[in-house]
């Protein structure tokens, strides 16, 4: 099976009969069912909460935890991945919908959401057909870490008013922060008590009973409190009416496409990035890793199908996938079980959800969104490389101060600038030979005993040499040559996988000046592609076989023979 080519001669068969079903084992049934129910206890309350984050009716969370989950289970390649909405996608969706339907009624808002979700799905499917799975690699891990931390800060700030029972017109980050501070004297004590009790319960359950379905227990406690303690009479606001039954067919509004496609691209990118990251993180040894282009197709179709039921943008969730895997999921059947639980909730449990306090939902969102901030990951990045730590901070600040959609742009730009910086400044090492061996390694203070050869300067650049870094490479080499004053410069290109025309022209011009400078240029360790390129150029004719060598050992031997012959 070629997972990277979903539209192939056997593609229809592969789509109709998923690979996991064809290899399914009887022993997986029990752990899959247990994992699906356990994950459902996490997925459903969080999906309900994230619907409110996006400013949508609460039942939209149920729709998103149903059909997208089923479609991914049929088409996806990750066995433990649990697909619904996520905190990141919810806040991105909220930003997009806030622009096109800021004061819309619930019905119009759901149509706008369905249009956005349909666009996201279409973009992902198109990306699959164009085989653009590699795009996820454009956002580096440090930048993604900072982006998620920024998202978490925005989500928490967005939920604090619900936790305090205060209301104000939402605006930019600093505006909301100041509005919360101004509203503190008007805090509803009963609402704050409900939220604080929910947070305390969630933290206690995760610490003392980590396998317990903490969100479900906390939400059940909130609903029970409304019924038994009469919390609404004390000023505690509840979700209100939740329509029971199956969702109705929701058709997208084509007039919104022009306004929604720019944010849809960002949401599609983040959906795919989160999906592929979660799928790879929780793949067991021996399981196939998620196939990037097939994942684009699966998540795209999941969003298109979900849009027809009014679902919000969906993707693979890291925390719920972790719960699914830790609870014993062996295959996508666990996701089917979770979807069945969402369906049962739609049909039977609507009246109970109506009694859920907004403060309880806000507490669930806050507890699980804070997990997006990973101080240990920031510290690890700082220990390894300070520059990439700055990239992570830049992404976080970009999201917080500029907004989430702009934050995606900041994250991508920072990643691309970081990549450009790395490739534009290739390292150049002076190398020497380890005594008694044919190992040549960069000069370091740890190995002062390494051999050098008077008059022979051995340099080893690394990476691709092309128009963007050729001049920088020359600037690094010139002072090394001036300091060593060699008779021969052996340029070891064994770590150079590609040599672009501009770089080749630079070497050609350098060789022309060697006679005036009093040294000769030798090329060493050329891979077949680079060797063929050099041989087709005037430089190859000038150097000939006499000044191109298989490796540094041959170059040193030739240099030593030349000294003896002289």
Protein backbone atom coordinates (compact mmCIF):
# COMPACT_ATOMS: atom_id res chain seq x y z
CA UNK A 1 0.00 0.00 0.00
CA UNK A 2 1.36 3.38 -0.97
CA UNK A 3 -0.07 5.68 1.68
CA UNK A 4 1.46 8.73 0.07
CA UNK A 5 -0.54 8.15 -3.12
CA UNK A 6 -4.20 7.97 -2.08
CA UNK A 7 -5.37 8.47 -5.66
CA UNK A 8 -3.73 5.39 -7.21
CA UNK A 9 -4.79 2.27 -9.07
CA UNK A 10 -5.67 0.66 -5.78
CA UNK A 11 -6.71 3.90 -4.09
CA UNK A 12 -10.45 3.23 -4.04
CA UNK A 13 -9.90 -0.14 -2.38
CA UNK A 14 -7.63 1.38 0.22
CA UNK A 15 -10.17 4.10 0.99
CA UNK A 16 -13.08 1.66 1.18
CA UNK A 17 -11.24 -0.90 3.33
CA UNK A 18 -8.85 0.89 5.73
CA UNK A 19 -5.47 -0.73 6.32
CA UNK A 20 -6.08 -1.00 10.09
CA UNK A 21 -9.29 -2.94 9.50
CA UNK A 22 -7.59 -5.42 7.19
CA UNK A 23 -4.97 -6.21 9.86
CA UNK A 24 -7.30 -5.92 12.86
CA UNK A 25 -6.74 -8.41 15.69
CA UNK A 26 -9.43 -9.79 18.00
CA UNK A 27 -7.31 -8.97 21.05
CA UNK A 28 -7.60 -5.26 20.25
CA UNK A 29 -11.39 -5.05 20.71
CA UNK A 30 -11.52 -4.66 24.50
CA UNK A 31 -8.69 -2.12 24.85
CA UNK A 32 -10.08 -0.14 21.88
CA UNK A 33 -13.53 0.09 23.47
CA UNK A 34 -12.13 1.09 26.86
CA UNK A 35 -9.82 3.68 25.26
CA UNK A 36 -12.62 5.09 23.11
CA UNK A 37 -14.93 5.58 26.10
CA UNK A 38 -12.13 7.09 28.22
CA UNK A 39 -11.07 9.45 25.45
CA UNK A 40 -14.71 10.37 24.89
CA UNK A 41 -14.96 11.50 28.50
CA UNK A 42 -12.19 13.98 27.71
CA UNK A 43 -13.09 14.86 24.11
CA UNK A 44 -16.79 15.66 24.58
CA UNK A 45 -16.53 18.16 27.46
CA UNK A 46 -13.54 19.83 25.82
CA UNK A 47 -15.31 20.01 22.46
CA UNK A 48 -18.29 21.66 24.15
CA UNK A 49 -15.98 24.13 25.85
CA UNK A 50 -14.05 24.92 22.69
CA UNK A 51 -17.30 25.64 20.84
CA UNK A 52 -17.87 28.45 23.33
CA UNK A 53 -14.28 29.63 22.78
CA UNK A 54 -15.11 29.98 19.08
CA UNK A 55 -18.27 31.89 19.98
CA UNK A 56 -20.48 29.10 18.57
CA UNK A 57 -23.51 27.32 20.06
CA UNK A 58 -22.39 24.60 22.42
CA UNK A 59 -23.84 21.74 20.35
CA UNK A 60 -21.36 22.52 17.57
CA UNK A 61 -18.72 20.91 19.77
CA UNK A 62 -20.69 17.64 19.69
CA UNK A 63 -21.02 17.78 15.91
CA UNK A 64 -17.26 18.28 15.62
CA UNK A 65 -16.54 15.29 17.86
CA UNK A 66 -18.80 13.06 15.76
CA UNK A 67 -18.50 12.94 11.96
CA UNK A 68 -14.91 14.26 11.60
CA UNK A 69 -13.82 11.55 14.05
CA UNK A 70 -15.55 8.85 11.96
CA UNK A 71 -14.19 10.08 8.62
CA UNK A 72 -10.64 10.28 9.93
CA UNK A 73 -10.90 6.77 11.38
CA UNK A 74 -11.73 5.49 7.89
CA UNK A 75 -9.17 7.50 5.94
CA UNK A 76 -6.36 8.35 8.39
CA UNK A 77 -3.08 6.54 8.89
CA UNK A 78 -2.47 7.18 12.61
CA UNK A 79 -3.94 4.47 14.84
CA UNK A 80 -4.27 6.43 18.12
CA UNK A 81 -5.10 9.88 16.72
CA UNK A 82 -8.25 11.41 18.18
CA UNK A 83 -9.80 14.04 15.91
CA UNK A 84 -12.16 16.82 16.92
CA UNK A 85 -11.49 20.49 17.54
CA UNK A 86 -8.58 21.82 19.59
CA UNK A 87 -7.89 24.90 21.65
CA UNK A 88 -5.73 26.35 18.88
CA UNK A 89 -8.29 25.75 16.14
CA UNK A 90 -11.10 27.11 18.31
CA UNK A 91 -9.37 30.43 18.94
CA UNK A 92 -8.33 30.71 15.28
CA UNK A 93 -11.90 30.00 14.25
CA UNK A 94 -13.17 32.62 16.68
CA UNK A 95 -10.87 35.25 15.17
CA UNK A 96 -11.97 34.40 11.63
CA UNK A 97 -15.69 34.36 12.44
CA UNK A 98 -15.39 37.55 14.46
CA UNK A 99 -14.34 39.36 11.30
CA UNK A 100 -17.08 38.13 8.95
CA UNK A 101 -19.98 37.75 11.40
CA UNK A 102 -19.26 39.87 14.49
CA UNK A 103 -22.91 40.34 15.54
CA UNK A 104 -24.59 37.41 13.81
CA UNK A 105 -27.39 35.34 15.30
CA UNK A 106 -26.56 31.68 16.15
CA UNK A 107 -28.02 30.33 12.90
CA UNK A 108 -25.99 32.74 10.72
CA UNK A 109 -22.92 32.09 12.82
CA UNK A 110 -23.22 28.33 12.26
CA UNK A 111 -23.51 28.89 8.50
CA UNK A 112 -20.36 31.04 8.59
CA UNK A 113 -18.60 28.36 10.65
CA UNK A 114 -19.66 25.63 8.22
CA UNK A 115 -18.32 27.74 5.34
CA UNK A 116 -14.99 28.19 7.12
CA UNK A 117 -14.76 24.47 7.91
CA UNK A 118 -15.60 23.56 4.31
CA UNK A 119 -12.87 25.90 3.07
CA UNK A 120 -10.35 24.41 5.50
CA UNK A 121 -11.23 20.92 4.29
CA UNK A 122 -11.01 21.90 0.64
CA UNK A 123 -7.59 23.50 1.15
CA UNK A 124 -6.30 20.37 2.88
CA UNK A 125 -7.61 18.05 0.15
CA UNK A 126 -6.07 20.28 -2.54
CA UNK A 127 -2.78 20.24 -0.63
CA UNK A 128 -2.95 16.44 -0.58
CA UNK A 129 -3.46 16.27 -4.36
CA UNK A 130 -0.51 18.65 -4.81
CA UNK A 131 1.55 16.52 -2.38
CA UNK A 132 2.32 19.43 -0.07
CA UNK A 133 2.73 17.38 3.10
CA UNK A 134 6.26 18.74 3.49
CA UNK A 135 4.80 22.18 4.35
CA UNK A 136 4.35 21.14 7.98
CA UNK A 137 8.14 21.09 8.29
CA UNK A 138 8.31 24.85 7.66
CA UNK A 139 7.30 25.57 11.25
CA UNK A 140 10.17 24.59 13.51
CA UNK A 141 9.56 23.01 16.91
CA UNK A 142 10.75 26.07 18.88
CA UNK A 143 8.46 28.37 16.90
CA UNK A 144 5.52 25.97 17.35
CA UNK A 145 6.27 25.86 21.08
CA UNK A 146 6.10 29.66 21.28
CA UNK A 147 3.00 29.82 19.10
CA UNK A 148 1.10 27.37 21.32
CA UNK A 149 2.15 29.24 24.44
CA UNK A 150 0.79 32.46 22.94
CA UNK A 151 -2.46 30.70 22.03
CA UNK A 152 -2.76 29.43 25.63
CA UNK A 153 -2.33 32.94 27.04
CA UNK A 154 -5.06 34.29 24.75
CA UNK A 155 -7.45 31.44 25.58
CA UNK A 156 -6.96 31.80 29.33
CA UNK A 157 -7.49 35.54 29.15
CA UNK A 158 -10.63 34.94 27.06
CA UNK A 159 -12.06 32.54 29.67
CA UNK A 160 -11.28 34.54 32.82
CA UNK A 161 -14.36 36.80 32.45
CA UNK A 162 -16.59 33.69 32.42
CA UNK A 163 -14.77 32.47 35.50
CA UNK A 164 -15.43 35.78 37.25
CA UNK A 165 -18.96 36.31 35.95
CA UNK A 166 -18.17 39.68 34.40
CA UNK A 167 -18.98 41.05 30.93
CA UNK A 168 -17.34 43.57 28.62
CA UNK A 169 -16.81 44.18 24.91
CA UNK A 170 -13.89 42.06 23.72
CA UNK A 171 -10.96 43.70 21.99
CA UNK A 172 -7.20 43.31 21.64
CA UNK A 173 -5.08 41.58 24.27
CA UNK A 174 -4.14 44.68 26.27
CA UNK A 175 -7.71 45.99 26.10
CA UNK A 176 -9.06 42.70 27.49
CA UNK A 177 -6.42 42.62 30.20
CA UNK A 178 -7.30 46.13 31.38
CA UNK A 179 -11.04 45.39 31.15
CA UNK A 180 -10.64 42.34 33.39
CA UNK A 181 -8.73 44.41 35.92
CA UNK A 182 -11.45 47.07 35.85
CA UNK A 183 -14.16 44.42 36.25
CA UNK A 184 -12.67 42.69 39.27
CA UNK A 185 -14.80 44.66 41.78
CA UNK A 186 -17.91 43.30 40.01
CA UNK A 187 -16.90 39.65 40.30
CA UNK A 188 -19.72 37.20 41.03
CA UNK A 189 -18.54 35.36 44.13
CA UNK A 190 -20.77 32.36 43.42
CA UNK A 191 -19.52 32.11 39.81
CA UNK A 192 -15.89 32.37 40.94
CA UNK A 193 -16.50 29.69 43.57
CA UNK A 194 -17.91 27.31 40.94
CA UNK A 195 -14.93 27.92 38.63
CA UNK A 196 -12.38 27.58 41.43
CA UNK A 197 -14.02 24.37 42.67
CA UNK A 198 -13.93 22.95 39.13
CA UNK A 199 -10.25 23.81 38.70
CA UNK A 200 -9.45 22.29 42.09
CA UNK A 201 -11.36 19.13 41.21
CA UNK A 202 -9.62 18.77 37.83
CA UNK A 203 -6.16 19.22 39.35
CA UNK A 204 -6.90 16.84 42.23
CA UNK A 205 -8.23 14.14 39.92
CA UNK A 206 -5.27 14.43 37.56
CA UNK A 207 -2.88 14.15 40.51
CA UNK A 208 -4.54 11.44 42.58
CA UNK A 209 -6.55 9.59 39.91
CA UNK A 210 -4.86 10.27 36.56
CA UNK A 211 -6.85 7.55 34.78
CA UNK A 212 -10.20 8.99 35.88
CA UNK A 213 -12.20 10.98 33.26
CA UNK A 214 -11.56 14.26 35.09
CA UNK A 215 -13.41 16.62 32.67
CA UNK A 216 -16.53 14.45 32.69
CA UNK A 217 -16.54 14.22 36.49
CA UNK A 218 -16.03 17.98 36.86
CA UNK A 219 -18.81 18.78 34.41
CA UNK A 220 -21.17 16.28 36.09
CA UNK A 221 -20.42 17.96 39.41
CA UNK A 222 -21.19 21.39 37.93
CA UNK A 223 -24.51 20.18 36.52
CA UNK A 224 -25.39 18.54 39.84
CA UNK A 225 -24.58 21.78 41.64
CA UNK A 226 -27.01 23.69 39.44
CA UNK A 227 -29.79 21.20 40.16
CA UNK A 228 -29.15 20.69 43.89
CA UNK A 229 -27.93 24.10 45.03
CA UNK A 230 -29.96 26.41 42.83
CA UNK A 231 -26.86 28.14 41.51
CA UNK A 232 -28.65 30.21 38.82
CA UNK A 233 -30.54 32.02 41.58
CA UNK A 234 -27.18 33.08 42.98
CA UNK A 235 -26.06 34.60 39.69
CA UNK A 236 -24.28 31.60 38.16
CA UNK A 237 -24.95 31.57 34.40
CA UNK A 238 -25.57 28.26 32.62
CA UNK A 239 -25.30 27.08 29.03
CA UNK A 240 -29.04 27.11 28.47
CA UNK A 241 -31.02 25.19 25.88
CA UNK A 242 -29.08 22.59 23.87
CA UNK A 243 -30.99 21.24 20.86
CA UNK A 244 -31.41 17.49 21.13
CA UNK A 245 -31.22 15.15 18.18
CA UNK A 246 -29.10 14.87 15.10
CA UNK A 247 -27.70 17.97 13.41
CA UNK A 248 -29.40 19.24 10.29
CA UNK A 249 -27.70 19.64 6.94
CA UNK A 250 -25.83 22.95 6.85
CA UNK A 251 -24.83 24.38 3.49
CA UNK A 252 -21.97 26.87 3.20
CA UNK A 253 -22.57 30.50 2.23
CA UNK A 254 -20.60 31.12 -0.95
CA UNK A 255 -20.73 34.88 -0.42
CA UNK A 256 -18.36 34.48 2.55
CA UNK A 257 -15.63 32.64 0.64
CA UNK A 258 -13.69 35.76 -0.33
CA UNK A 259 -13.44 36.92 3.29
CA UNK A 260 -12.77 33.51 4.83
CA UNK A 261 -10.16 31.97 2.56
CA UNK A 262 -7.13 33.82 4.03
CA UNK A 263 -7.79 32.67 7.63
CA UNK A 264 -8.81 29.25 6.30
CA UNK A 265 -5.30 28.75 4.92
CA UNK A 266 -3.79 29.48 8.34
CA UNK A 267 -6.29 27.20 10.11
CA UNK A 268 -5.65 24.42 7.58
CA UNK A 269 -1.91 24.69 8.14
CA UNK A 270 -2.31 24.57 11.92
CA UNK A 271 -4.80 21.68 11.72
CA UNK A 272 -2.39 19.65 9.65
CA UNK A 273 0.63 20.60 11.78
CA UNK A 274 -1.11 19.58 15.02
CA UNK A 275 -2.44 16.41 13.40
CA UNK A 276 0.88 15.19 12.06
CA UNK A 277 2.71 16.14 15.28
CA UNK A 278 0.24 14.27 17.50
CA UNK A 279 0.20 11.26 15.18
CA UNK A 280 3.98 11.00 15.15
CA UNK A 281 4.35 11.61 18.88
CA UNK A 282 2.10 8.73 19.92
CA UNK A 283 3.00 6.11 17.32
CA UNK A 284 4.25 2.93 18.98
CA UNK A 285 7.41 1.18 17.92
CA UNK A 286 6.56 -1.00 14.95
CA UNK A 287 3.54 1.04 13.91
CA UNK A 288 3.69 2.93 10.60
CA UNK A 289 4.27 6.64 11.03
CA UNK A 290 1.50 8.89 9.70
CA UNK A 291 1.87 9.46 5.95
CA UNK A 292 1.85 13.23 5.47
CA UNK A 293 -0.04 13.49 2.18
CA UNK A 294 -2.57 10.85 3.20
CA UNK A 295 -3.11 12.74 6.47
CA UNK A 296 -3.87 15.88 4.47
CA UNK A 297 -6.55 13.95 2.59
CA UNK A 298 -8.01 12.39 5.74
CA UNK A 299 -8.20 15.63 7.74
CA UNK A 300 -9.47 17.50 4.69
CA UNK A 301 -12.32 15.06 4.11
CA UNK A 302 -13.08 15.05 7.86
CA UNK A 303 -13.54 18.82 7.74
CA UNK A 304 -15.64 18.74 4.57
CA UNK A 305 -17.94 16.07 6.02
CA UNK A 306 -18.15 17.86 9.36
CA UNK A 307 -18.99 21.16 7.65
CA UNK A 308 -22.19 19.64 6.23
CA UNK A 309 -23.33 19.00 9.81
CA UNK A 310 -22.32 22.44 11.05
CA UNK A 311 -19.04 21.36 12.66
CA UNK A 312 -16.19 23.77 13.37
CA UNK A 313 -12.64 23.20 12.00
CA UNK A 314 -11.18 19.92 13.23
CA UNK A 315 -7.80 18.33 13.62
CA UNK A 316 -5.85 15.88 15.73
CA UNK A 317 -5.68 16.88 19.41
CA UNK A 318 -2.48 16.18 21.33
CA UNK A 319 -3.99 15.82 24.82
CA UNK A 320 -6.94 13.68 23.74
CA UNK A 321 -4.68 11.51 21.59
CA UNK A 322 -2.44 11.03 24.62
CA UNK A 323 -5.45 9.93 26.68
CA UNK A 324 -6.56 7.60 23.89
CA UNK A 325 -3.14 5.96 23.63
CA UNK A 326 -2.52 5.74 27.38
CA UNK A 327 -5.95 4.16 27.84
CA UNK A 328 -4.90 1.35 25.50
CA UNK A 329 -6.03 2.29 21.99
CA UNK A 330 -4.70 -0.18 19.43
CA UNK A 331 -6.48 1.06 16.31
CA UNK A 332 -8.91 3.60 14.88
CA UNK A 333 -11.80 1.60 16.35
CA UNK A 334 -11.21 3.57 19.56
CA UNK A 335 -12.04 6.76 17.65
CA UNK A 336 -15.23 5.13 16.35
CA UNK A 337 -16.25 4.41 19.95
CA UNK A 338 -15.59 8.03 20.92
CA UNK A 339 -17.73 9.19 18.00
CA UNK A 340 -20.53 6.85 19.08
CA UNK A 341 -20.41 8.38 22.56
CA UNK A 342 -20.74 11.85 21.00
CA UNK A 343 -23.78 10.65 19.05
CA UNK A 344 -25.38 9.29 22.22
CA UNK A 345 -24.80 12.65 23.87
CA UNK A 346 -26.55 14.43 21.00
CA UNK A 347 -29.58 12.17 21.21
CA UNK A 348 -29.99 11.74 24.96
CA UNK A 349 -27.95 14.11 27.10
CA UNK A 350 -28.90 17.58 25.80
CA UNK A 351 -31.15 18.49 28.79
CA UNK A 352 -28.32 17.76 31.19
CA UNK A 353 -25.79 19.82 29.23
CA UNK A 354 -28.19 22.78 29.33
CA UNK A 355 -27.60 22.99 33.09
CA UNK A 356 -23.83 23.23 32.75
CA UNK A 357 -22.39 26.43 34.32
CA UNK A 358 -20.33 28.63 32.00
CA UNK A 359 -17.77 28.86 34.81
CA UNK A 360 -17.36 25.08 34.76
CA UNK A 361 -16.70 25.06 31.02
CA UNK A 362 -14.30 27.99 31.40
CA UNK A 363 -12.42 26.11 34.12
CA UNK A 364 -12.08 23.03 31.87
CA UNK A 365 -10.75 25.18 29.02
CA UNK A 366 -8.28 26.99 31.28
CA UNK A 367 -6.88 23.84 32.88
CA UNK A 368 -6.30 22.12 29.55
CA UNK A 369 -5.15 25.23 27.69
CA UNK A 370 -2.48 25.99 30.28
CA UNK A 371 -0.95 22.67 29.23
CA UNK A 372 -0.05 24.31 25.92
CA UNK A 373 2.51 26.40 27.82
CA UNK A 374 5.54 24.18 28.29
CA UNK A 375 8.18 25.88 30.47
CA UNK A 376 10.34 22.74 30.38
CA UNK A 377 10.38 22.89 26.59
CA UNK A 378 11.38 26.57 26.67
CA UNK A 379 14.21 25.72 29.10
CA UNK A 380 15.35 22.83 26.92
CA UNK A 381 15.45 25.11 23.86
CA UNK A 382 17.40 27.75 25.81
CA UNK A 383 19.96 25.17 26.96
CA UNK A 384 20.52 23.90 23.45
CA UNK A 385 20.44 27.13 21.47
CA UNK A 386 19.74 30.66 22.62
CA UNK A 387 18.84 31.86 19.11
CA UNK A 388 16.00 29.35 18.76
CA UNK A 389 14.76 30.36 22.22
CA UNK A 390 14.42 33.90 20.86
CA UNK A 391 12.43 32.51 17.91
CA UNK A 392 10.05 30.78 20.35
CA UNK A 393 9.56 34.00 22.32
CA UNK A 394 9.01 35.98 19.10
CA UNK A 395 6.27 33.59 18.01
CA UNK A 396 4.60 33.76 21.43
CA UNK A 397 4.70 37.56 21.57
CA UNK A 398 3.48 37.79 17.97
CA UNK A 399 0.39 35.75 18.81
CA UNK A 400 -0.35 37.65 22.03
CA UNK A 401 0.14 41.19 20.75
CA UNK A 402 -0.78 40.89 17.07
CA UNK A 403 -3.54 38.28 17.22
CA UNK A 404 -3.78 34.63 16.40
CA UNK A 405 -4.09 34.80 12.63
CA UNK A 406 -1.25 37.29 12.44
CA UNK A 407 0.61 35.06 14.88
CA UNK A 408 0.55 32.23 12.35
CA UNK A 409 2.19 34.56 9.85
CA UNK A 410 4.76 35.58 12.47
CA UNK A 411 5.45 31.91 13.24
CA UNK A 412 5.96 31.03 9.58
CA UNK A 413 8.06 34.13 8.86
CA UNK A 414 10.23 33.51 11.92
CA UNK A 415 10.73 29.88 10.83
CA UNK A 416 11.63 30.87 7.28
CA UNK A 417 13.94 33.66 8.44
CA UNK A 418 15.59 31.18 10.79
CA UNK A 419 16.03 28.74 7.91
CA UNK A 420 17.39 31.47 5.66
CA UNK A 421 19.81 32.54 8.37
CA UNK A 422 21.10 29.01 8.77
CA UNK A 423 21.60 28.30 5.07
CA UNK A 424 23.10 31.74 4.40
CA UNK A 425 25.90 31.22 6.91
CA UNK A 426 27.38 27.77 6.28
CA UNK A 427 30.12 26.62 8.65
CA UNK A 428 33.69 26.21 7.41
CA UNK A 429 36.00 23.98 9.46
CA UNK A 430 39.77 23.78 9.40
CA UNK A 431 40.45 20.05 9.62
CA UNK A 432 43.42 17.95 10.72
CA UNK A 433 44.14 14.24 10.88
CA UNK A 434 43.75 12.15 13.99
CA UNK A 435 47.17 10.57 14.69
CA UNK A 436 47.58 7.03 13.43
CA UNK A 437 44.29 7.04 11.50
CA UNK A 438 42.73 8.28 8.29
CA UNK A 439 40.13 10.28 10.23
CA UNK A 440 40.06 14.00 9.50
CA UNK A 441 38.14 16.18 11.96
CA UNK A 442 37.65 19.88 12.72
CA UNK A 443 40.31 21.59 14.81
CA UNK A 444 39.33 21.86 18.48
CA UNK A 445 41.11 22.61 21.73
CA UNK A 446 40.27 19.09 22.89
CA UNK A 447 42.57 17.52 20.32
CA UNK A 448 45.76 19.57 20.08
CA UNK A 449 47.65 16.43 19.03
CA UNK A 450 45.89 16.21 15.65
CA UNK A 451 48.30 16.34 12.69
CA UNK A 452 48.59 19.21 10.29
CA UNK A 453 50.82 19.41 7.25
CA UNK A 454 52.86 22.58 6.75
CA UNK A 455 51.87 24.34 3.58
CA UNK A 456 48.60 22.38 3.27
CA UNK A 457 45.39 24.03 4.51
CA UNK A 458 42.43 21.63 4.65
CA UNK A 459 38.99 23.29 4.80
CA UNK A 460 35.61 21.59 5.06
CA UNK A 461 32.46 23.65 4.34
CA UNK A 462 29.09 22.09 5.12
CA UNK A 463 25.65 22.22 3.53
CA UNK A 464 24.40 23.45 0.19
CA UNK A 465 26.52 26.18 -1.40
CA UNK A 466 24.43 28.50 -3.57
CA UNK A 467 23.85 32.14 -4.47
CA UNK A 468 22.60 33.12 -1.01
CA UNK A 469 25.70 31.95 0.87
CA UNK A 470 28.53 31.78 -1.66
CA UNK A 471 29.86 35.25 -0.83
CA UNK A 472 29.58 34.60 2.90
CA UNK A 473 31.56 31.39 2.43
CA UNK A 474 34.26 33.28 0.55
CA UNK A 475 34.43 35.85 3.36
CA UNK A 476 35.08 33.05 5.86
CA UNK A 477 37.73 31.33 3.75
CA UNK A 478 39.84 34.40 2.88
CA UNK A 479 41.12 35.16 6.43
CA UNK A 480 41.89 31.47 7.00
CA UNK A 481 44.03 31.40 3.86
CA UNK A 482 45.68 34.73 4.73
CA UNK A 483 46.58 33.47 8.19
CA UNK A 484 47.90 30.04 7.11
CA UNK A 485 49.73 31.29 3.95
CA UNK A 486 49.57 27.77 2.43
CA UNK A 487 50.91 26.53 -0.84
CA UNK A 488 47.83 24.32 -1.31
CA UNK A 489 44.23 24.78 -0.13
CA UNK A 490 42.38 21.46 -0.13
CA UNK A 491 38.65 22.20 -0.11
CA UNK A 492 36.92 19.10 1.23
CA UNK A 493 33.39 19.11 -0.27
CA UNK A 494 32.32 15.75 1.14
CA UNK A 495 29.76 17.53 3.36
CA UNK A 496 28.43 19.65 0.47
CA UNK A 497 25.48 17.92 -1.19
CA UNK A 498 24.87 20.55 -3.87
CA UNK A 499 26.90 23.25 -5.60
CA UNK A 500 24.90 25.94 -7.39
CA UNK A 501 26.14 27.91 -10.43
CA UNK A 502 26.95 31.08 -8.46
CA UNK A 503 29.10 29.10 -6.02
CA UNK A 504 30.83 27.30 -8.89
CA UNK A 505 31.56 30.65 -10.53
CA UNK A 506 33.03 31.90 -7.24
CA UNK A 507 35.37 28.89 -7.09
CA UNK A 508 36.36 29.43 -10.73
CA UNK A 509 37.25 33.06 -10.06
CA UNK A 510 39.12 32.09 -6.89
CA UNK A 511 41.18 29.56 -8.83
CA UNK A 512 42.16 32.24 -11.36
CA UNK A 513 43.66 34.38 -8.58
CA UNK A 514 45.59 31.55 -6.91
CA UNK A 515 48.70 32.05 -9.01
CA UNK A 516 48.93 35.69 -7.94
CA UNK A 517 48.31 34.68 -4.32
CA UNK A 518 50.91 31.92 -4.42
CA UNK A 519 48.70 28.94 -3.62
CA UNK A 520 46.86 26.20 -5.51
CA UNK A 521 43.25 25.03 -5.12
CA UNK A 522 42.43 21.33 -4.79
CA UNK A 523 38.91 19.91 -4.60
CA UNK A 524 38.33 16.82 -2.46
CA UNK A 525 35.45 14.41 -1.75
CA UNK A 526 33.02 15.57 -4.44
CA UNK A 527 29.81 13.56 -4.55
CA UNK A 528 28.78 12.31 -8.04
CA UNK A 529 26.38 15.19 -8.69
CA UNK A 530 28.84 17.90 -7.66
CA UNK A 531 31.67 16.16 -9.53
CA UNK A 532 29.62 16.06 -12.75
CA UNK A 533 28.79 19.76 -12.36
CA UNK A 534 32.45 20.71 -11.88
CA UNK A 535 33.59 18.57 -14.81
CA UNK A 536 31.13 20.33 -17.14
CA UNK A 537 32.52 23.74 -16.16
CA UNK A 538 35.76 25.55 -17.07
CA UNK A 539 36.93 24.88 -13.50
CA UNK A 540 36.92 21.15 -14.17
CA UNK A 541 39.09 21.63 -17.24
CA UNK A 542 41.52 23.83 -15.31
CA UNK A 543 41.87 21.50 -12.32
CA UNK A 544 41.87 18.27 -14.30
CA UNK A 545 42.27 14.94 -12.54
CA UNK A 546 45.51 16.12 -10.93
CA UNK A 547 43.78 18.52 -8.53
CA UNK A 548 40.56 16.60 -7.70
CA UNK A 549 40.75 13.80 -5.12
CA UNK A 550 38.49 11.07 -3.78
CA UNK A 551 39.14 11.97 -0.15
CA UNK A 552 41.54 13.87 2.11
CA UNK A 553 43.77 10.82 2.65
CA UNK A 554 44.55 10.73 -1.08
CA UNK A 555 45.08 14.49 -1.14
CA UNK A 556 47.54 14.33 1.79
CA UNK A 557 49.44 11.46 0.16
CA UNK A 558 49.69 13.41 -3.09
CA UNK A 559 50.85 16.53 -1.21
CA UNK A 560 53.54 14.60 0.68
CA UNK A 561 54.80 12.99 -2.55
CA UNK A 562 55.04 16.42 -4.11
CA UNK A 563 57.17 17.65 -1.19
CA UNK A 564 59.48 14.63 -1.45
CA UNK A 565 59.77 14.95 -5.23
CA UNK A 566 60.59 18.63 -4.84
